N, C-alpha and C. Protein backbone atom coordinates (compact mmCIF):
# COMPACT_ATOMS: atom_id res chain seq x y z
N MET A 1 43.43 93.27 108.42
CA MET A 1 44.84 93.25 108.58
C MET A 1 45.38 94.65 108.29
N ARG A 2 46.29 95.08 109.11
CA ARG A 2 46.84 96.42 108.98
C ARG A 2 48.01 96.40 108.01
N SER A 3 48.04 97.33 107.09
CA SER A 3 49.14 97.38 106.12
C SER A 3 50.28 98.24 106.68
N VAL A 4 51.47 97.98 106.21
CA VAL A 4 52.66 98.73 106.64
C VAL A 4 52.88 99.86 105.67
N SER A 5 53.12 101.03 106.21
CA SER A 5 53.36 102.18 105.34
C SER A 5 54.72 102.03 104.64
N ARG A 6 54.87 102.74 103.55
CA ARG A 6 56.14 102.74 102.83
C ARG A 6 57.27 103.26 103.69
N ARG A 7 57.01 104.31 104.44
CA ARG A 7 58.02 104.90 105.30
C ARG A 7 58.50 103.88 106.34
N ALA A 8 57.58 103.15 106.94
CA ALA A 8 57.96 102.15 107.94
C ALA A 8 58.73 101.00 107.30
N ALA A 9 58.32 100.61 106.11
CA ALA A 9 59.01 99.51 105.42
C ALA A 9 60.43 99.89 105.04
N LEU A 10 60.62 101.13 104.64
CA LEU A 10 61.96 101.58 104.27
C LEU A 10 62.82 101.85 105.49
N ALA A 11 62.23 102.20 106.61
CA ALA A 11 62.98 102.52 107.81
C ALA A 11 63.58 101.28 108.45
N VAL A 12 62.95 100.15 108.34
CA VAL A 12 63.46 98.93 108.98
C VAL A 12 64.80 98.50 108.40
N PRO A 13 64.97 98.40 107.09
CA PRO A 13 66.28 98.02 106.59
C PRO A 13 67.37 99.02 106.96
N ALA A 14 67.03 100.29 106.97
CA ALA A 14 68.03 101.29 107.35
C ALA A 14 68.44 101.11 108.79
N ALA A 15 67.50 100.84 109.67
CA ALA A 15 67.82 100.62 111.07
C ALA A 15 68.66 99.36 111.22
N ALA A 16 68.36 98.34 110.43
CA ALA A 16 69.13 97.11 110.51
C ALA A 16 70.57 97.34 110.07
N VAL A 17 70.75 98.16 109.05
CA VAL A 17 72.09 98.47 108.57
C VAL A 17 72.85 99.28 109.62
N LEU A 18 72.20 100.25 110.23
CA LEU A 18 72.85 101.06 111.24
C LEU A 18 73.22 100.25 112.48
N ALA A 19 72.43 99.24 112.79
CA ALA A 19 72.70 98.43 113.97
C ALA A 19 73.71 97.33 113.70
N ALA A 20 74.01 97.06 112.45
CA ALA A 20 74.96 95.99 112.12
C ALA A 20 76.35 96.37 112.62
N PRO A 21 77.11 95.39 113.10
CA PRO A 21 78.46 95.71 113.58
C PRO A 21 79.36 96.14 112.42
N ALA A 22 80.21 97.08 112.70
CA ALA A 22 81.13 97.56 111.68
C ALA A 22 82.24 96.54 111.49
N VAL A 23 82.61 96.33 110.27
CA VAL A 23 83.69 95.42 109.95
C VAL A 23 84.93 96.26 109.67
N ALA A 24 85.94 96.08 110.48
CA ALA A 24 87.16 96.86 110.31
C ALA A 24 88.02 96.22 109.22
N LEU A 25 88.30 96.99 108.21
CA LEU A 25 89.18 96.52 107.15
C LEU A 25 90.62 96.77 107.57
N PRO A 26 91.53 95.89 107.22
CA PRO A 26 92.93 96.14 107.57
C PRO A 26 93.45 97.36 106.83
N HIS A 27 94.39 98.05 107.46
CA HIS A 27 95.01 99.20 106.84
C HIS A 27 95.76 98.73 105.59
N PRO A 28 95.70 99.48 104.50
CA PRO A 28 96.38 99.04 103.27
C PRO A 28 97.88 98.81 103.46
N ASP A 29 98.49 99.50 104.41
CA ASP A 29 99.92 99.35 104.66
C ASP A 29 100.22 98.61 105.97
N ALA A 30 99.27 97.85 106.46
CA ALA A 30 99.45 97.16 107.75
C ALA A 30 100.68 96.26 107.74
N GLU A 31 100.87 95.50 106.69
CA GLU A 31 102.02 94.59 106.63
C GLU A 31 103.33 95.37 106.57
N LEU A 32 103.37 96.44 105.81
CA LEU A 32 104.56 97.29 105.74
C LEU A 32 104.87 97.89 107.10
N MET A 33 103.85 98.44 107.76
CA MET A 33 104.06 99.07 109.07
C MET A 33 104.53 98.05 110.10
N ASP A 34 103.95 96.85 110.09
CA ASP A 34 104.40 95.79 111.00
C ASP A 34 105.84 95.40 110.70
N ALA A 35 106.18 95.28 109.43
CA ALA A 35 107.54 94.89 109.05
C ALA A 35 108.55 95.97 109.47
N CYS A 36 108.18 97.22 109.33
CA CYS A 36 109.08 98.32 109.73
C CYS A 36 109.27 98.33 111.25
N ARG A 37 108.18 98.14 111.99
CA ARG A 37 108.30 98.06 113.46
C ARG A 37 109.18 96.89 113.87
N ALA A 38 109.02 95.75 113.20
CA ALA A 38 109.83 94.57 113.52
C ALA A 38 111.30 94.82 113.20
N TYR A 39 111.57 95.49 112.12
CA TYR A 39 112.95 95.81 111.74
C TYR A 39 113.59 96.73 112.78
N ILE A 40 112.86 97.76 113.19
CA ILE A 40 113.39 98.68 114.21
C ILE A 40 113.62 97.93 115.52
N ALA A 41 112.66 97.10 115.92
CA ALA A 41 112.80 96.34 117.17
C ALA A 41 114.00 95.40 117.12
N ALA A 42 114.18 94.71 116.00
CA ALA A 42 115.33 93.81 115.86
C ALA A 42 116.64 94.59 115.91
N SER A 43 116.66 95.75 115.28
CA SER A 43 117.85 96.60 115.30
C SER A 43 118.15 97.11 116.70
N GLN A 44 117.11 97.48 117.44
CA GLN A 44 117.30 97.93 118.82
C GLN A 44 117.81 96.80 119.70
N ASP A 45 117.28 95.59 119.51
CA ASP A 45 117.77 94.44 120.27
C ASP A 45 119.24 94.18 119.96
N TYR A 46 119.60 94.27 118.70
CA TYR A 46 121.00 94.09 118.32
C TYR A 46 121.87 95.14 119.00
N ASP A 47 121.43 96.41 118.95
CA ASP A 47 122.21 97.48 119.58
C ASP A 47 122.39 97.24 121.07
N ALA A 48 121.35 96.69 121.72
CA ALA A 48 121.41 96.47 123.16
C ALA A 48 122.22 95.24 123.55
N HIS A 49 122.20 94.21 122.70
CA HIS A 49 122.81 92.93 123.08
C HIS A 49 123.91 92.43 122.16
N GLY A 50 123.91 92.89 120.95
CA GLY A 50 124.78 92.31 119.94
C GLY A 50 126.15 92.92 119.91
N GLY A 51 126.70 92.91 118.77
CA GLY A 51 128.01 93.47 118.57
C GLY A 51 128.78 92.79 117.47
N TYR A 52 128.32 91.62 117.05
CA TYR A 52 129.00 90.88 115.99
C TYR A 52 128.15 90.90 114.72
N LEU A 53 128.81 91.13 113.61
CA LEU A 53 128.11 91.12 112.33
C LEU A 53 128.23 89.74 111.70
N ASP A 54 127.85 88.75 112.46
CA ASP A 54 127.95 87.36 112.01
C ASP A 54 126.68 86.63 112.45
N TYR A 55 125.92 86.13 111.48
CA TYR A 55 124.66 85.46 111.78
C TYR A 55 124.84 84.24 112.68
N GLU A 56 125.95 83.53 112.51
CA GLU A 56 126.15 82.30 113.28
C GLU A 56 126.56 82.58 114.72
N VAL A 57 127.19 83.70 114.97
CA VAL A 57 127.66 84.04 116.32
C VAL A 57 126.64 84.88 117.08
N CYS A 58 125.93 85.71 116.37
CA CYS A 58 125.05 86.70 117.02
C CYS A 58 123.60 86.52 116.58
N PRO A 59 122.74 85.99 117.46
CA PRO A 59 121.34 85.81 117.08
C PRO A 59 120.61 87.13 116.84
N TRP A 60 121.07 88.21 117.47
CA TRP A 60 120.40 89.50 117.27
C TRP A 60 120.68 90.03 115.87
N TRP A 61 121.91 89.79 115.36
CA TRP A 61 122.22 90.21 114.00
C TRP A 61 121.44 89.35 113.00
N ALA A 62 121.25 88.09 113.32
CA ALA A 62 120.44 87.22 112.46
C ALA A 62 119.01 87.73 112.39
N ALA A 63 118.48 88.22 113.51
CA ALA A 63 117.11 88.77 113.53
C ALA A 63 117.02 90.02 112.67
N VAL A 64 118.05 90.86 112.73
CA VAL A 64 118.08 92.06 111.86
C VAL A 64 118.12 91.62 110.40
N GLY A 65 118.95 90.62 110.12
CA GLY A 65 119.07 90.13 108.75
C GLY A 65 117.79 89.53 108.21
N ALA A 66 116.96 88.98 109.08
CA ALA A 66 115.67 88.44 108.66
C ALA A 66 114.62 89.54 108.50
N ALA A 67 114.67 90.55 109.36
CA ALA A 67 113.66 91.61 109.35
C ALA A 67 113.88 92.61 108.21
N ALA A 68 115.12 92.89 107.87
CA ALA A 68 115.41 93.91 106.85
C ALA A 68 114.78 93.60 105.50
N PRO A 69 114.99 92.41 104.93
CA PRO A 69 114.40 92.18 103.60
C PRO A 69 112.88 92.18 103.61
N ARG A 70 112.30 91.77 104.73
CA ARG A 70 110.83 91.81 104.83
C ARG A 70 110.34 93.25 104.74
N ALA A 71 110.97 94.14 105.51
CA ALA A 71 110.56 95.55 105.50
C ALA A 71 110.83 96.19 104.14
N GLU A 72 111.90 95.77 103.48
CA GLU A 72 112.26 96.35 102.19
C GLU A 72 111.41 95.82 101.04
N SER A 73 110.63 94.79 101.29
CA SER A 73 109.89 94.16 100.20
C SER A 73 108.55 94.83 99.88
N TYR A 74 108.15 95.80 100.67
CA TYR A 74 106.84 96.44 100.47
C TYR A 74 107.01 97.83 99.87
N GLU A 75 106.03 98.23 99.09
CA GLU A 75 105.91 99.60 98.60
C GLU A 75 104.72 100.22 99.32
N PRO A 76 104.87 101.40 99.90
CA PRO A 76 103.74 102.01 100.62
C PRO A 76 102.62 102.42 99.69
N ARG A 77 101.42 102.32 100.20
CA ARG A 77 100.22 102.75 99.46
C ARG A 77 99.62 104.01 100.06
N THR A 78 100.04 104.35 101.28
CA THR A 78 99.50 105.52 101.98
C THR A 78 100.64 106.29 102.63
N MET A 79 100.33 107.48 103.08
CA MET A 79 101.33 108.28 103.78
C MET A 79 101.70 107.65 105.12
N ALA A 80 100.81 106.88 105.72
CA ALA A 80 101.15 106.17 106.96
C ALA A 80 102.24 105.14 106.69
N GLY A 81 102.21 104.51 105.54
CA GLY A 81 103.26 103.58 105.16
C GLY A 81 104.58 104.29 104.92
N VAL A 82 104.51 105.46 104.29
CA VAL A 82 105.72 106.27 104.08
C VAL A 82 106.29 106.67 105.43
N ARG A 83 105.42 107.02 106.37
CA ARG A 83 105.87 107.40 107.71
C ARG A 83 106.61 106.24 108.38
N ALA A 84 106.10 105.03 108.23
CA ALA A 84 106.76 103.85 108.81
C ALA A 84 108.15 103.68 108.21
N MET A 85 108.27 103.90 106.90
CA MET A 85 109.58 103.81 106.25
C MET A 85 110.51 104.91 106.74
N ALA A 86 109.97 106.11 106.93
CA ALA A 86 110.79 107.23 107.43
C ALA A 86 111.29 106.95 108.85
N GLU A 87 110.47 106.25 109.65
CA GLU A 87 110.91 105.90 111.00
C GLU A 87 112.08 104.92 110.96
N VAL A 88 112.07 103.99 110.00
CA VAL A 88 113.22 103.10 109.83
C VAL A 88 114.45 103.91 109.44
N ALA A 89 114.30 104.80 108.48
CA ALA A 89 115.43 105.61 108.03
C ALA A 89 116.00 106.43 109.18
N ALA A 90 115.13 107.04 109.97
CA ALA A 90 115.59 107.85 111.10
C ALA A 90 116.27 106.98 112.16
N HIS A 91 115.72 105.79 112.39
CA HIS A 91 116.36 104.89 113.36
C HIS A 91 117.77 104.51 112.90
N LEU A 92 117.91 104.19 111.63
CA LEU A 92 119.22 103.80 111.11
C LEU A 92 120.20 104.97 111.11
N ALA A 93 119.69 106.19 110.94
CA ALA A 93 120.54 107.38 110.91
C ALA A 93 120.99 107.82 112.30
N ARG A 94 120.23 107.43 113.34
CA ARG A 94 120.54 107.90 114.70
C ARG A 94 121.85 107.29 115.20
N GLN A 95 122.75 108.17 115.60
CA GLN A 95 124.05 107.78 116.12
C GLN A 95 123.99 107.63 117.64
N PRO A 96 124.99 106.98 118.25
CA PRO A 96 124.97 106.80 119.72
C PRO A 96 124.83 108.11 120.51
N ASP A 97 125.33 109.22 119.94
CA ASP A 97 125.21 110.50 120.64
C ASP A 97 123.88 111.19 120.39
N GLY A 98 122.98 110.55 119.61
CA GLY A 98 121.66 111.11 119.34
C GLY A 98 121.58 111.90 118.05
N GLU A 99 122.72 112.26 117.49
CA GLU A 99 122.73 112.99 116.22
C GLU A 99 122.28 112.07 115.09
N LEU A 100 121.82 112.67 114.00
CA LEU A 100 121.39 111.90 112.84
C LEU A 100 122.43 112.03 111.73
N ASP A 101 122.87 110.91 111.21
CA ASP A 101 123.79 110.88 110.07
C ASP A 101 123.05 110.23 108.92
N TRP A 102 122.67 111.05 107.93
CA TRP A 102 121.85 110.57 106.83
C TRP A 102 122.67 109.98 105.69
N SER A 103 123.96 109.83 105.88
CA SER A 103 124.77 109.25 104.81
C SER A 103 124.36 107.80 104.58
N ASP A 104 124.55 107.35 103.36
CA ASP A 104 124.09 106.00 103.04
C ASP A 104 124.90 104.91 103.72
N SER A 105 126.04 105.26 104.30
CA SER A 105 126.80 104.24 105.02
C SER A 105 126.04 103.78 106.27
N PHE A 106 125.15 104.60 106.78
CA PHE A 106 124.35 104.23 107.94
C PHE A 106 122.92 103.86 107.56
N THR A 107 122.35 104.57 106.63
CA THR A 107 120.93 104.41 106.33
C THR A 107 120.65 103.54 105.12
N GLY A 108 121.66 103.22 104.35
CA GLY A 108 121.42 102.48 103.12
C GLY A 108 120.53 103.29 102.19
N ALA A 109 119.63 102.63 101.54
CA ALA A 109 118.75 103.29 100.57
C ALA A 109 117.45 103.81 101.18
N TRP A 110 117.28 103.70 102.49
CA TRP A 110 116.00 104.07 103.10
C TRP A 110 115.58 105.52 102.84
N PRO A 111 116.45 106.52 103.00
CA PRO A 111 115.99 107.89 102.70
C PRO A 111 115.54 108.06 101.26
N ALA A 112 116.25 107.45 100.33
CA ALA A 112 115.86 107.54 98.92
C ALA A 112 114.51 106.85 98.70
N ARG A 113 114.29 105.72 99.34
CA ARG A 113 113.01 105.02 99.20
C ARG A 113 111.86 105.87 99.73
N VAL A 114 112.09 106.57 100.84
CA VAL A 114 111.06 107.44 101.42
C VAL A 114 110.74 108.57 100.45
N CYS A 115 111.78 109.21 99.92
CA CYS A 115 111.55 110.32 98.96
C CYS A 115 110.81 109.83 97.72
N GLN A 116 111.21 108.69 97.19
CA GLN A 116 110.54 108.15 96.01
C GLN A 116 109.07 107.85 96.30
N ALA A 117 108.80 107.32 97.48
CA ALA A 117 107.41 107.01 97.83
C ALA A 117 106.57 108.27 97.96
N VAL A 118 107.15 109.31 98.57
CA VAL A 118 106.41 110.58 98.69
C VAL A 118 106.10 111.13 97.30
N LEU A 119 107.09 111.13 96.43
CA LEU A 119 106.87 111.65 95.08
C LEU A 119 105.83 110.83 94.34
N ARG A 120 105.87 109.52 94.48
CA ARG A 120 104.89 108.65 93.80
C ARG A 120 103.48 108.86 94.32
N LEU A 121 103.34 108.95 95.65
CA LEU A 121 102.00 109.06 96.24
C LEU A 121 101.39 110.44 96.09
N THR A 122 102.22 111.44 95.89
CA THR A 122 101.69 112.81 95.79
C THR A 122 101.68 113.32 94.35
N ALA A 123 101.99 112.47 93.40
CA ALA A 123 102.02 112.90 91.99
C ALA A 123 100.63 113.20 91.48
């Protein structure tokens, strides 16, 4: 009976590991990024179709009202999450003429949340 060399025995498990399918782990901020995209989409739908700040009269405003607290409930763990939050802030700041108004009357606390996240993640 022929014996297997040590090199051959060690090479088989390595080849099996290399051939195994990669398991994609979810992004640490996947839920935050999804929530931010949903908030922006709901806000865009409201801008295109809505006009009333009343949940009972305007279903698009109700969708914004549902999406906002979800997006606000996450703290970013990565810079990609911070970027998603910054995109919300920029969307809220964008005026009909395309200019950005960063005052809190338009953006709420989003710019401050972005700054705080950057400071926390880069400390």
